[in-house]
N, C-alpha and C. Protein backbone atom coordinates (compact mmCIF):
# COMPACT_ATOMS: atom_id res chain seq x y z
N MET A 1 -45.30 -8.48 -6.68
CA MET A 1 -44.41 -8.83 -7.29
C MET A 1 -42.98 -8.03 -7.02
N ASN A 2 -41.52 -8.42 -6.89
CA ASN A 2 -40.44 -7.74 -7.29
C ASN A 2 -40.14 -7.26 -8.46
N LEU A 3 -38.83 -6.63 -8.27
CA LEU A 3 -38.21 -5.79 -9.44
C LEU A 3 -37.90 -6.72 -10.38
N PHE A 4 -37.30 -7.88 -9.88
CA PHE A 4 -36.75 -8.63 -11.03
C PHE A 4 -37.51 -10.01 -11.52
N GLU A 5 -38.92 -9.87 -10.87
CA GLU A 5 -39.90 -10.49 -11.50
C GLU A 5 -40.72 -10.09 -12.66
N SER A 6 -40.46 -8.46 -12.30
CA SER A 6 -41.36 -7.44 -13.18
C SER A 6 -40.40 -7.19 -14.58
N LEU A 7 -39.40 -7.20 -14.39
CA LEU A 7 -38.23 -7.30 -15.38
C LEU A 7 -38.37 -8.79 -16.29
N LYS A 8 -38.19 -9.67 -15.87
CA LYS A 8 -38.39 -10.91 -16.12
C LYS A 8 -39.85 -10.95 -17.51
N LYS A 9 -40.78 -10.41 -16.93
CA LYS A 9 -42.06 -10.40 -17.36
C LYS A 9 -41.94 -9.33 -18.80
N ILE A 10 -41.56 -8.12 -18.61
CA ILE A 10 -41.58 -7.31 -19.73
C ILE A 10 -40.31 -7.77 -20.74
N ASN A 11 -39.45 -8.49 -20.24
CA ASN A 11 -38.35 -8.69 -20.98
C ASN A 11 -38.89 -9.96 -21.93
N ASP A 12 -39.26 -11.03 -21.38
CA ASP A 12 -39.89 -11.99 -21.91
C ASP A 12 -40.92 -11.61 -23.15
N PHE A 13 -41.62 -10.30 -22.51
CA PHE A 13 -42.88 -9.65 -23.96
C PHE A 13 -41.79 -9.34 -24.57
N ILE A 14 -41.02 -8.36 -24.32
CA ILE A 14 -40.00 -7.82 -25.37
C ILE A 14 -39.46 -8.88 -26.43
N GLU A 15 -38.83 -9.80 -25.45
CA GLU A 15 -38.42 -11.30 -26.58
C GLU A 15 -39.05 -11.48 -27.52
N SER A 16 -40.04 -11.84 -26.88
CA SER A 16 -41.34 -12.66 -27.81
C SER A 16 -41.50 -12.02 -29.27
N ASN A 17 -41.79 -10.49 -28.65
CA ASN A 17 -42.20 -9.90 -29.70
C ASN A 17 -40.77 -9.40 -30.84
N ASN A 18 -39.71 -9.86 -30.70
CA ASN A 18 -38.64 -9.45 -31.61
C ASN A 18 -38.41 -7.99 -31.48
N LEU A 19 -38.62 -7.62 -30.53
CA LEU A 19 -37.80 -6.29 -30.64
C LEU A 19 -36.52 -5.67 -30.13
N PRO A 20 -35.98 -4.90 -31.09
CA PRO A 20 -34.54 -4.74 -30.82
C PRO A 20 -34.56 -3.59 -29.09
N TYR A 21 -33.67 -3.83 -28.27
CA TYR A 21 -34.02 -3.15 -27.05
C TYR A 21 -32.60 -3.24 -26.22
N MET A 22 -32.63 -2.53 -24.81
CA MET A 22 -31.44 -2.68 -24.12
C MET A 22 -32.05 -2.43 -22.52
N VAL A 23 -31.59 -2.78 -21.80
CA VAL A 23 -31.79 -2.25 -20.00
C VAL A 23 -31.19 -1.53 -19.97
N PHE A 24 -30.75 -0.29 -19.23
CA PHE A 24 -30.22 0.64 -18.98
C PHE A 24 -30.66 1.41 -17.58
N GLY A 25 -30.25 2.54 -17.15
CA GLY A 25 -30.39 2.94 -15.73
C GLY A 25 -30.01 1.98 -14.48
N GLY A 26 -31.11 2.23 -13.44
CA GLY A 26 -30.95 1.80 -12.20
C GLY A 26 -30.20 -0.17 -12.52
N ILE A 27 -30.98 -0.87 -13.21
CA ILE A 27 -30.29 -2.07 -12.91
C ILE A 27 -29.12 -2.50 -13.63
N ALA A 28 -28.85 -1.68 -14.60
CA ALA A 28 -27.41 -1.41 -15.22
C ALA A 28 -26.27 -1.16 -15.06
N THR A 29 -26.80 -0.11 -13.73
CA THR A 29 -25.71 0.56 -12.83
C THR A 29 -25.49 -0.78 -11.49
N ALA A 30 -26.22 -1.59 -11.42
CA ALA A 30 -25.99 -2.49 -10.07
C ALA A 30 -25.32 -3.43 -11.28
N PHE A 31 -25.88 -4.05 -12.35
CA PHE A 31 -25.16 -5.20 -13.25
C PHE A 31 -23.40 -4.59 -13.17
N TYR A 32 -23.39 -3.01 -13.49
CA TYR A 32 -21.60 -2.84 -13.88
C TYR A 32 -21.01 -3.01 -11.95
N GLY A 33 -21.82 -3.22 -11.06
CA GLY A 33 -21.33 -3.16 -9.84
C GLY A 33 -21.18 -2.03 -8.93
N TYR A 34 -22.43 -1.29 -8.97
CA TYR A 34 -22.38 0.20 -8.20
C TYR A 34 -24.13 -0.35 -7.86
N SER A 35 -24.40 -0.83 -6.69
CA SER A 35 -25.64 -0.92 -6.00
C SER A 35 -26.05 0.01 -5.59
N ARG A 36 -27.33 1.12 -5.79
CA ARG A 36 -28.00 1.77 -5.24
C ARG A 36 -29.80 1.51 -4.94
N GLN A 37 -30.29 2.02 -4.40
CA GLN A 37 -31.51 1.42 -4.36
C GLN A 37 -32.06 1.88 -5.74
N THR A 38 -33.10 1.33 -6.38
CA THR A 38 -33.85 1.52 -7.30
C THR A 38 -35.21 0.84 -7.47
N PHE A 39 -36.17 1.66 -7.78
CA PHE A 39 -37.62 1.24 -7.31
C PHE A 39 -37.94 1.08 -9.10
N ASP A 40 -37.36 1.43 -9.84
CA ASP A 40 -37.97 1.37 -11.29
C ASP A 40 -37.21 0.30 -12.51
N ILE A 41 -37.77 0.18 -13.79
CA ILE A 41 -36.91 -0.49 -14.69
C ILE A 41 -37.11 0.29 -15.86
N ASP A 42 -35.75 0.86 -16.63
CA ASP A 42 -35.85 1.65 -17.76
C ASP A 42 -35.35 0.65 -19.09
N ILE A 43 -35.75 1.02 -19.96
CA ILE A 43 -35.87 -0.10 -21.18
C ILE A 43 -35.87 0.97 -22.45
N LYS A 44 -34.62 0.81 -23.05
CA LYS A 44 -34.94 1.47 -24.26
C LYS A 44 -35.16 0.42 -25.10
N ILE A 45 -36.12 0.81 -26.28
CA ILE A 45 -36.89 -0.03 -27.28
C ILE A 45 -36.70 1.17 -28.86
N ASN A 46 -36.57 0.42 -29.77
CA ASN A 46 -36.40 0.60 -30.82
C ASN A 46 -37.62 0.03 -31.94
N ILE A 47 -38.72 0.99 -32.10
CA ILE A 47 -39.97 0.50 -32.87
C ILE A 47 -40.31 1.69 -33.72
N ILE A 48 -40.65 1.32 -34.92
CA ILE A 48 -40.94 2.16 -35.98
C ILE A 48 -42.28 2.75 -35.61
N GLU A 49 -42.41 4.14 -35.89
CA GLU A 49 -43.59 4.56 -35.46
C GLU A 49 -45.15 4.07 -36.07
N LYS A 50 -44.67 3.58 -37.24
CA LYS A 50 -46.20 2.96 -37.61
C LYS A 50 -46.43 1.57 -36.83
N GLU A 51 -45.74 1.15 -35.97
CA GLU A 51 -46.41 -0.24 -35.57
C GLU A 51 -46.11 0.39 -33.63
N LEU A 52 -46.38 1.74 -33.69
CA LEU A 52 -46.59 2.27 -32.05
C LEU A 52 -48.14 1.56 -31.54
N ASN A 53 -49.05 1.99 -32.35
CA ASN A 53 -50.02 2.12 -31.88
C ASN A 53 -50.18 0.32 -31.81
N SER A 54 -49.92 -0.77 -32.44
CA SER A 54 -49.87 -2.13 -32.21
C SER A 54 -49.21 -2.30 -31.17
N PHE A 55 -48.31 -1.92 -30.92
CA PHE A 55 -47.19 -2.07 -29.75
C PHE A 55 -47.85 -1.74 -28.40
N ILE A 56 -48.50 -0.45 -28.42
CA ILE A 56 -49.54 -0.11 -27.25
C ILE A 56 -50.55 -1.27 -26.81
N LYS A 57 -51.37 -1.50 -27.85
CA LYS A 57 -52.04 -2.67 -27.51
C LYS A 57 -51.39 -3.99 -26.90
N LYS A 58 -50.47 -3.86 -27.40
CA LYS A 58 -49.63 -5.77 -26.94
C LYS A 58 -49.33 -5.30 -25.52
N ILE A 59 -48.85 -4.28 -25.04
CA ILE A 59 -48.13 -4.02 -24.04
C ILE A 59 -49.15 -3.91 -23.10
N SER A 60 -50.56 -3.46 -23.30
CA SER A 60 -51.49 -3.35 -22.24
C SER A 60 -51.74 -4.87 -21.49
N ASP A 61 -51.44 -5.60 -22.61
CA ASP A 61 -52.00 -6.91 -21.93
C ASP A 61 -51.10 -7.46 -20.89
N ILE A 62 -49.83 -6.83 -20.65
CA ILE A 62 -49.21 -7.41 -19.58
C ILE A 62 -49.08 -5.94 -18.42
N GLY A 63 -49.30 -5.15 -18.92
CA GLY A 63 -49.25 -3.97 -17.75
C GLY A 63 -50.07 -3.07 -17.70
N THR A 64 -50.15 -1.90 -16.95
CA THR A 64 -50.94 -1.03 -17.05
C THR A 64 -50.29 0.27 -17.66
N ILE A 65 -50.97 1.02 -18.51
CA ILE A 65 -50.09 2.35 -19.03
C ILE A 65 -50.56 3.41 -17.89
N LYS A 66 -49.47 4.20 -17.70
CA LYS A 66 -49.99 5.21 -16.81
C LYS A 66 -50.07 6.39 -17.23
N THR A 67 -50.47 6.55 -18.92
CA THR A 67 -51.02 7.85 -19.29
C THR A 67 -52.35 8.02 -19.89
N ILE A 68 -53.06 8.94 -20.14
CA ILE A 68 -54.44 8.83 -21.08
C ILE A 68 -54.36 8.44 -21.87
N ASN A 69 -53.49 9.21 -22.51
CA ASN A 69 -53.42 9.09 -24.32
C ASN A 69 -51.75 8.62 -24.71
N PRO A 70 -51.62 7.55 -24.34
CA PRO A 70 -50.03 7.01 -24.73
C PRO A 70 -49.48 7.28 -25.97
N VAL A 71 -50.54 7.38 -27.13
CA VAL A 71 -49.38 7.33 -28.43
C VAL A 71 -49.12 8.99 -28.33
N GLN A 72 -49.85 9.97 -28.14
CA GLN A 72 -49.47 11.68 -27.77
C GLN A 72 -48.10 11.78 -26.99
N PHE A 73 -48.44 10.95 -25.61
CA PHE A 73 -47.32 10.83 -24.74
C PHE A 73 -45.94 10.56 -25.17
N VAL A 74 -46.10 9.07 -25.67
CA VAL A 74 -44.78 9.03 -26.51
C VAL A 74 -44.26 9.78 -27.74
N ASN A 75 -45.07 10.66 -28.40
CA ASN A 75 -44.59 11.48 -29.35
C ASN A 75 -44.10 12.77 -28.81
N ASP A 76 -44.95 12.90 -27.72
CA ASP A 76 -44.09 14.38 -26.94
C ASP A 76 -42.81 13.74 -26.30
N THR A 77 -42.50 12.65 -25.39
CA THR A 77 -41.88 12.58 -24.65
C THR A 77 -40.78 11.12 -24.69
N SER A 78 -41.17 10.31 -25.92
CA SER A 78 -40.29 9.52 -26.51
C SER A 78 -40.48 8.37 -25.17
N VAL A 79 -41.37 8.41 -24.34
CA VAL A 79 -41.55 7.75 -23.00
C VAL A 79 -42.92 7.12 -22.97
N LEU A 80 -42.51 5.79 -22.58
CA LEU A 80 -43.96 5.14 -22.19
C LEU A 80 -44.12 4.63 -20.91
N PRO A 81 -44.48 5.57 -19.70
CA PRO A 81 -44.35 4.63 -18.31
C PRO A 81 -45.81 3.32 -18.32
N ILE A 82 -45.30 2.49 -17.92
CA ILE A 82 -46.18 1.28 -17.39
C ILE A 82 -45.84 0.67 -16.42
N VAL A 83 -46.82 0.17 -15.47
CA VAL A 83 -46.74 -0.72 -14.80
C VAL A 83 -47.02 -2.06 -14.55
N ILE A 84 -46.09 -2.96 -14.15
CA ILE A 84 -46.48 -4.31 -14.36
C ILE A 84 -46.51 -5.03 -12.92
N ASP A 85 -47.18 -5.48 -12.40
CA ASP A 85 -47.22 -6.31 -11.05
C ASP A 85 -46.80 -4.90 -9.64
N GLY A 86 -47.16 -3.62 -9.67
CA GLY A 86 -46.75 -2.85 -9.15
C GLY A 86 -45.32 -2.09 -9.27
N VAL A 87 -44.87 -2.54 -10.49
CA VAL A 87 -43.33 -2.11 -10.54
C VAL A 87 -43.18 -0.93 -11.44
N ASN A 88 -42.90 0.19 -11.53
CA ASN A 88 -43.13 1.31 -12.34
C ASN A 88 -41.82 0.79 -13.32
N ILE A 89 -42.17 1.01 -15.08
CA ILE A 89 -41.21 0.64 -15.87
C ILE A 89 -41.49 1.58 -16.99
N ASP A 90 -40.37 2.46 -17.10
CA ASP A 90 -40.41 3.55 -18.49
C ASP A 90 -39.63 2.45 -19.54
N LEU A 91 -40.71 2.83 -20.83
CA LEU A 91 -40.18 2.20 -21.94
C LEU A 91 -40.15 3.65 -22.87
N VAL A 92 -38.63 3.47 -23.10
CA VAL A 92 -38.06 4.72 -23.83
C VAL A 92 -37.75 4.59 -25.15
N PHE A 93 -38.46 5.29 -26.54
CA PHE A 93 -38.25 4.72 -27.68
C PHE A 93 -36.98 5.83 -28.02
N ALA A 94 -36.24 4.95 -28.60
CA ALA A 94 -34.90 5.17 -29.20
C ALA A 94 -34.74 6.20 -31.02
N LYS A 95 -34.82 7.09 -30.74
CA LYS A 95 -34.93 7.91 -32.03
C LYS A 95 -33.75 8.36 -32.03
N LEU A 96 -32.65 8.69 -31.55
CA LEU A 96 -31.13 9.23 -31.84
C LEU A 96 -30.68 8.03 -33.03
N PRO A 97 -29.54 8.17 -33.64
CA PRO A 97 -28.97 7.31 -33.83
C PRO A 97 -27.75 6.46 -32.89
N PHE A 98 -27.28 7.46 -32.38
CA PHE A 98 -26.62 6.67 -30.97
C PHE A 98 -27.63 6.14 -30.39
N GLU A 99 -28.46 6.22 -30.02
CA GLU A 99 -29.72 5.35 -29.33
C GLU A 99 -29.47 3.97 -30.03
N ILE A 100 -30.07 4.00 -30.99
CA ILE A 100 -30.36 2.82 -32.19
C ILE A 100 -28.84 2.06 -32.33
N ASN A 101 -27.91 2.42 -32.26
CA ASN A 101 -26.56 2.26 -32.26
C ASN A 101 -26.20 1.59 -30.91
N ALA A 102 -26.94 2.23 -29.37
CA ALA A 102 -26.46 1.65 -28.45
C ALA A 102 -27.31 0.45 -28.34
N ILE A 103 -28.60 0.36 -28.71
CA ILE A 103 -29.46 -0.77 -28.70
C ILE A 103 -28.59 -2.39 -29.36
N LYS A 104 -27.84 -1.73 -30.32
CA LYS A 104 -27.18 -2.71 -31.68
C LYS A 104 -25.71 -3.36 -30.44
N ARG A 105 -25.38 -2.63 -29.88
CA ARG A 105 -23.99 -2.71 -28.94
C ARG A 105 -24.27 -3.47 -27.91
N ALA A 106 -25.72 -3.38 -27.21
CA ALA A 106 -26.48 -3.88 -26.06
C ALA A 106 -25.96 -5.57 -26.30
N ARG A 107 -25.67 -6.19 -24.87
CA ARG A 107 -24.92 -7.44 -24.86
C ARG A 107 -25.97 -8.25 -24.15
N LYS A 108 -26.47 -9.84 -24.16
CA LYS A 108 -27.26 -10.61 -23.43
C LYS A 108 -26.23 -10.82 -21.93
N VAL A 109 -26.93 -10.75 -21.02
CA VAL A 109 -26.35 -11.11 -20.07
C VAL A 109 -27.29 -11.77 -18.84
N MET A 110 -26.43 -12.48 -17.81
CA MET A 110 -27.27 -13.16 -16.63
C MET A 110 -26.94 -12.35 -15.49
N PHE A 111 -28.23 -11.99 -15.11
CA PHE A 111 -28.10 -11.11 -13.93
C PHE A 111 -29.82 -11.73 -13.09
N ASN A 112 -29.45 -11.98 -11.51
CA ASN A 112 -30.22 -11.97 -10.75
C ASN A 112 -31.35 -13.38 -11.36
N ASP A 113 -30.50 -14.62 -12.10
CA ASP A 113 -31.26 -15.01 -12.65
C ASP A 113 -32.16 -15.17 -13.95
N ILE A 114 -31.85 -13.65 -14.51
CA ILE A 114 -32.79 -13.64 -15.62
C ILE A 114 -32.07 -13.42 -16.48
N GLU A 115 -31.69 -13.78 -18.04
CA GLU A 115 -31.13 -13.60 -18.99
C GLU A 115 -31.85 -11.95 -19.99
N PHE A 116 -31.22 -11.10 -20.28
CA PHE A 116 -31.44 -10.08 -20.71
C PHE A 116 -30.39 -9.05 -21.47
N LYS A 117 -30.93 -8.20 -22.31
CA LYS A 117 -29.84 -7.33 -22.81
C LYS A 117 -29.50 -6.15 -22.30
N ILE A 118 -28.38 -5.70 -22.14
CA ILE A 118 -28.20 -4.96 -21.25
C ILE A 118 -27.21 -3.58 -22.15
N CYS A 119 -27.15 -2.49 -22.03
CA CYS A 119 -26.29 -1.32 -22.47
C CYS A 119 -24.89 -1.91 -22.03
N THR A 120 -23.88 -1.50 -23.33
CA THR A 120 -22.68 -1.43 -22.56
C THR A 120 -22.24 -0.52 -21.60
N PHE A 121 -21.10 -0.86 -20.86
CA PHE A 121 -20.73 0.32 -19.54
C PHE A 121 -20.73 1.73 -20.44
N GLU A 122 -19.96 1.82 -21.64
CA GLU A 122 -19.57 3.21 -22.21
C GLU A 122 -21.40 3.97 -22.08
N ASP A 123 -21.93 3.06 -22.80
CA ASP A 123 -23.42 3.69 -23.26
C ASP A 123 -24.02 4.08 -21.93
N LEU A 124 -23.98 3.53 -21.03
CA LEU A 124 -24.44 3.63 -19.65
C LEU A 124 -24.14 5.19 -19.44
N ILE A 125 -22.92 5.14 -19.02
CA ILE A 125 -22.01 6.38 -18.81
C ILE A 125 -22.61 7.56 -19.61
N ILE A 126 -22.81 7.83 -21.06
CA ILE A 126 -23.28 8.10 -21.91
C ILE A 126 -24.48 8.93 -21.32
N GLN A 127 -25.05 8.24 -21.00
CA GLN A 127 -26.80 8.13 -20.98
C GLN A 127 -26.87 9.08 -19.73
N LYS A 128 -25.82 8.82 -18.60
CA LYS A 128 -26.10 9.07 -17.45
C LYS A 128 -25.78 10.83 -17.48
N ALA A 129 -24.32 10.83 -18.25
CA ALA A 129 -23.86 12.16 -18.30
C ALA A 129 -24.83 13.23 -18.81
N ILE A 130 -25.62 13.14 -20.24
CA ILE A 130 -26.43 13.64 -20.64
C ILE A 130 -27.46 14.41 -19.91
N SER A 131 -27.97 13.30 -18.62
CA SER A 131 -29.57 13.27 -18.16
C SER A 131 -29.20 14.96 -17.09
N THR A 132 -28.10 15.24 -16.77
CA THR A 132 -27.91 16.41 -16.11
C THR A 132 -28.07 16.10 -14.20
N ARG A 133 -29.08 15.20 -13.82
CA ARG A 133 -28.75 14.87 -12.46
C ARG A 133 -27.79 14.84 -11.96
N GLU A 134 -27.71 15.42 -10.93
CA GLU A 134 -26.63 15.17 -10.35
C GLU A 134 -26.02 13.82 -9.51
N LYS A 135 -27.80 13.01 -8.66
CA LYS A 135 -27.53 11.49 -8.35
C LYS A 135 -26.75 10.83 -9.79
N ASP A 136 -26.84 11.10 -11.31
CA ASP A 136 -26.51 10.28 -11.94
C ASP A 136 -24.69 10.49 -12.53
N TRP A 137 -24.52 11.72 -12.21
CA TRP A 137 -22.85 12.37 -11.89
C TRP A 137 -22.33 11.53 -10.69
N LEU A 138 -22.83 10.71 -9.74
CA LEU A 138 -22.41 10.41 -8.82
C LEU A 138 -22.24 8.97 -9.03
N ASP A 139 -22.95 8.26 -9.50
CA ASP A 139 -23.26 7.17 -10.01
C ASP A 139 -22.01 6.66 -11.27
N ILE A 140 -21.84 8.02 -11.69
CA ILE A 140 -20.86 7.95 -13.11
C ILE A 140 -19.50 7.83 -12.06
N LYS A 141 -19.23 8.50 -11.33
CA LYS A 141 -18.31 8.62 -10.58
C LYS A 141 -17.71 7.25 -9.94
N GLU A 142 -18.76 6.78 -9.45
CA GLU A 142 -18.54 5.44 -8.80
C GLU A 142 -18.45 4.24 -9.55
N LEU A 143 -19.18 4.22 -10.99
CA LEU A 143 -18.85 3.30 -11.88
C LEU A 143 -17.37 3.19 -12.22
N ILE A 144 -17.15 4.34 -12.77
CA ILE A 144 -15.62 4.65 -12.99
C ILE A 144 -14.34 3.94 -12.29
N LYS A 145 -14.64 4.37 -10.68
CA LYS A 145 -13.62 3.68 -9.77
C LYS A 145 -13.66 2.32 -10.33
N ILE A 146 -14.93 1.85 -10.04
CA ILE A 146 -14.81 0.05 -9.97
C ILE A 146 -14.21 -0.05 -11.41
N LYS A 147 -14.67 0.25 -12.59
CA LYS A 147 -13.76 -0.26 -13.63
C LYS A 147 -12.40 0.25 -14.16
N LYS A 148 -12.57 1.38 -13.62
CA LYS A 148 -10.85 2.16 -14.05
C LYS A 148 -10.20 1.84 -14.90
N ASN A 149 -9.55 1.00 -15.41
CA ASN A 149 -8.86 1.07 -16.64
C ASN A 149 -9.26 -0.19 -17.87
N LYS A 150 -10.70 -0.69 -17.51
CA LYS A 150 -11.52 -1.59 -18.37
C LYS A 150 -12.53 -0.22 -19.51
N ILE A 151 -12.45 0.28 -19.56
CA ILE A 151 -13.04 1.55 -20.16
C ILE A 151 -12.35 1.91 -21.17
N ASP A 152 -13.62 1.62 -22.52
CA ASP A 152 -13.35 2.44 -23.44
C ASP A 152 -13.46 3.98 -23.77
N TRP A 153 -12.16 4.59 -23.11
CA TRP A 153 -12.49 6.02 -23.13
C TRP A 153 -12.38 6.77 -24.09
N ASN A 154 -11.92 6.48 -25.84
CA ASN A 154 -11.89 7.08 -26.85
C ASN A 154 -13.40 6.97 -27.33
N TYR A 155 -14.16 6.25 -27.22
CA TYR A 155 -15.55 6.02 -27.16
C TYR A 155 -16.43 6.88 -26.61
N LEU A 156 -16.05 6.89 -24.94
CA LEU A 156 -16.64 7.76 -24.16
C LEU A 156 -16.73 8.75 -24.53
N LEU A 157 -15.19 9.49 -24.35
CA LEU A 157 -14.98 10.79 -24.58
C LEU A 157 -15.77 11.67 -25.85
N LEU A 158 -15.35 10.51 -27.10
CA LEU A 158 -16.23 11.11 -28.63
C LEU A 158 -17.38 11.40 -28.16
N HIS A 159 -18.29 10.40 -27.49
CA HIS A 159 -19.98 10.46 -27.56
C HIS A 159 -20.28 11.61 -26.53
N CYS A 160 -19.52 11.82 -25.61
CA CYS A 160 -19.53 13.02 -24.23
C CYS A 160 -19.58 14.56 -25.37
N LYS A 161 -18.19 14.22 -25.87
CA LYS A 161 -18.02 15.30 -26.77
C LYS A 161 -18.95 15.87 -27.72
N LEU A 162 -19.39 14.78 -28.56
CA LEU A 162 -20.46 14.89 -29.24
C LEU A 162 -21.83 15.65 -28.81
N PHE A 163 -22.13 14.88 -28.08
CA PHE A 163 -23.38 15.33 -26.84
C PHE A 163 -23.09 16.54 -26.28
N SER A 164 -22.30 17.31 -25.80
CA SER A 164 -21.59 18.61 -25.39
C SER A 164 -21.77 19.42 -26.33
N GLU A 165 -21.61 19.30 -27.63
CA GLU A 165 -21.91 20.43 -29.03
C GLU A 165 -22.97 20.68 -29.12
N TRP A 166 -23.96 19.14 -29.34
CA TRP A 166 -25.15 19.25 -30.19
C TRP A 166 -26.10 19.73 -28.86
N LEU A 167 -26.11 19.28 -27.73
CA LEU A 167 -27.13 20.07 -26.55
C LEU A 167 -26.13 21.30 -26.21
N GLU A 168 -25.33 21.85 -26.70
CA GLU A 168 -24.74 23.28 -26.10
C GLU A 168 -23.95 22.95 -24.22
N LEU A 169 -23.60 21.76 -24.20
CA LEU A 169 -23.47 21.64 -22.88
C LEU A 169 -22.18 21.08 -22.56
N PRO A 170 -21.07 22.37 -22.66
CA PRO A 170 -19.85 21.60 -22.79
C PRO A 170 -19.63 21.11 -21.38
N SER A 171 -20.35 21.33 -20.17
CA SER A 171 -19.86 20.83 -19.17
C SER A 171 -20.03 18.95 -19.21
N ILE A 172 -20.86 18.43 -20.39
CA ILE A 172 -20.87 17.05 -20.36
C ILE A 172 -19.58 16.46 -20.40
N TYR A 173 -18.99 16.87 -21.50
CA TYR A 173 -17.44 16.59 -21.81
C TYR A 173 -16.40 17.13 -20.65
N GLN A 174 -16.49 17.95 -20.32
CA GLN A 174 -15.79 18.69 -19.29
C GLN A 174 -15.65 18.02 -17.92
N ARG A 175 -16.56 17.48 -17.58
CA ARG A 175 -16.79 16.41 -16.16
C ARG A 175 -16.44 15.41 -16.64
N ILE A 176 -16.64 14.49 -17.91
CA ILE A 176 -16.08 13.08 -18.01
C ILE A 176 -14.80 13.10 -17.94
N ALA A 177 -13.93 14.04 -18.76
CA ALA A 177 -12.71 14.40 -18.93
C ALA A 177 -12.15 14.63 -17.43
N ASP A 178 -12.85 15.38 -16.94
CA ASP A 178 -11.91 15.87 -15.31
C ASP A 178 -12.22 14.51 -14.64
N ILE A 179 -13.34 13.62 -14.83
CA ILE A 179 -13.14 11.96 -14.04
C ILE A 179 -12.01 11.33 -14.35
N LYS A 180 -12.28 11.23 -15.78
CA LYS A 180 -10.53 10.37 -16.13
C LYS A 180 -9.65 10.44 -15.70
N ASN A 181 -9.32 11.94 -15.75
CA ASN A 181 -8.13 12.36 -15.30
C ASN A 181 -7.56 12.22 -13.67
N GLU A 182 -8.99 11.83 -12.82
CA GLU A 182 -8.26 11.78 -11.34
C GLU A 182 -7.92 10.55 -11.17
N LYS A 183 -7.24 10.11 -9.99
CA LYS A 183 -6.56 9.34 -9.75
C LYS A 183 -7.63 8.36 -8.74
N TYR A 184 -7.52 7.03 -8.97
CA TYR A 184 -8.67 6.42 -7.80
C TYR A 184 -7.53 4.92 -7.56
C-alpha cells in the first residue's frame, strides 16, 4: 500500500471516531508546495488522557503499534508510532495550548484525492522551527520562498518568539526573523 492509501485509512479512522486532529510534517510540506520525499505520516491528535487506553485498543484494529508498552510510551514521548500497510505513522498527542489551538485552526483540504484536515501554513513553519533539525530549516526556507507575501508574519513571529523564550532557544525567533528579511 502507498503513503496516501495509508493516510486515507488512518484519516477515515480518526474522522469516524470524531477526534480533533491535523496532518503536518512531510505531507503538509508537500501540500504547501515544497515536495521532498517523505516516507511517513505525521498526525497531531487531541485526546483526553482517560481515553488513551480505549484509543490504543481501537487503533490496533487498523494498524500495528510499534512499541511494547504504548501507554507508557505515549506518556513519556507524546507519540504513538504505528504502521498501517507498511507505512510508518506518528500519532503525536497535543498537550500544549499552541498544539490544541493549531488543531482548531486546521482546515479541510483535498490532496491526492483524499479529504483531510491539515495544519495552517504558519503552524507548520512553527512546528518545523522548534524541531531544530537542519532539514526542517531547509524546508522552512523553501516554503517561505513559495508563499512569499501570503504569510501571516505577525502570528508566525509572535509564536516563534514565545517558543524561543519558553525553550530558551533565541535562535528560533532570530532565524525566522532573518528569513523574513531575506529578499526572494
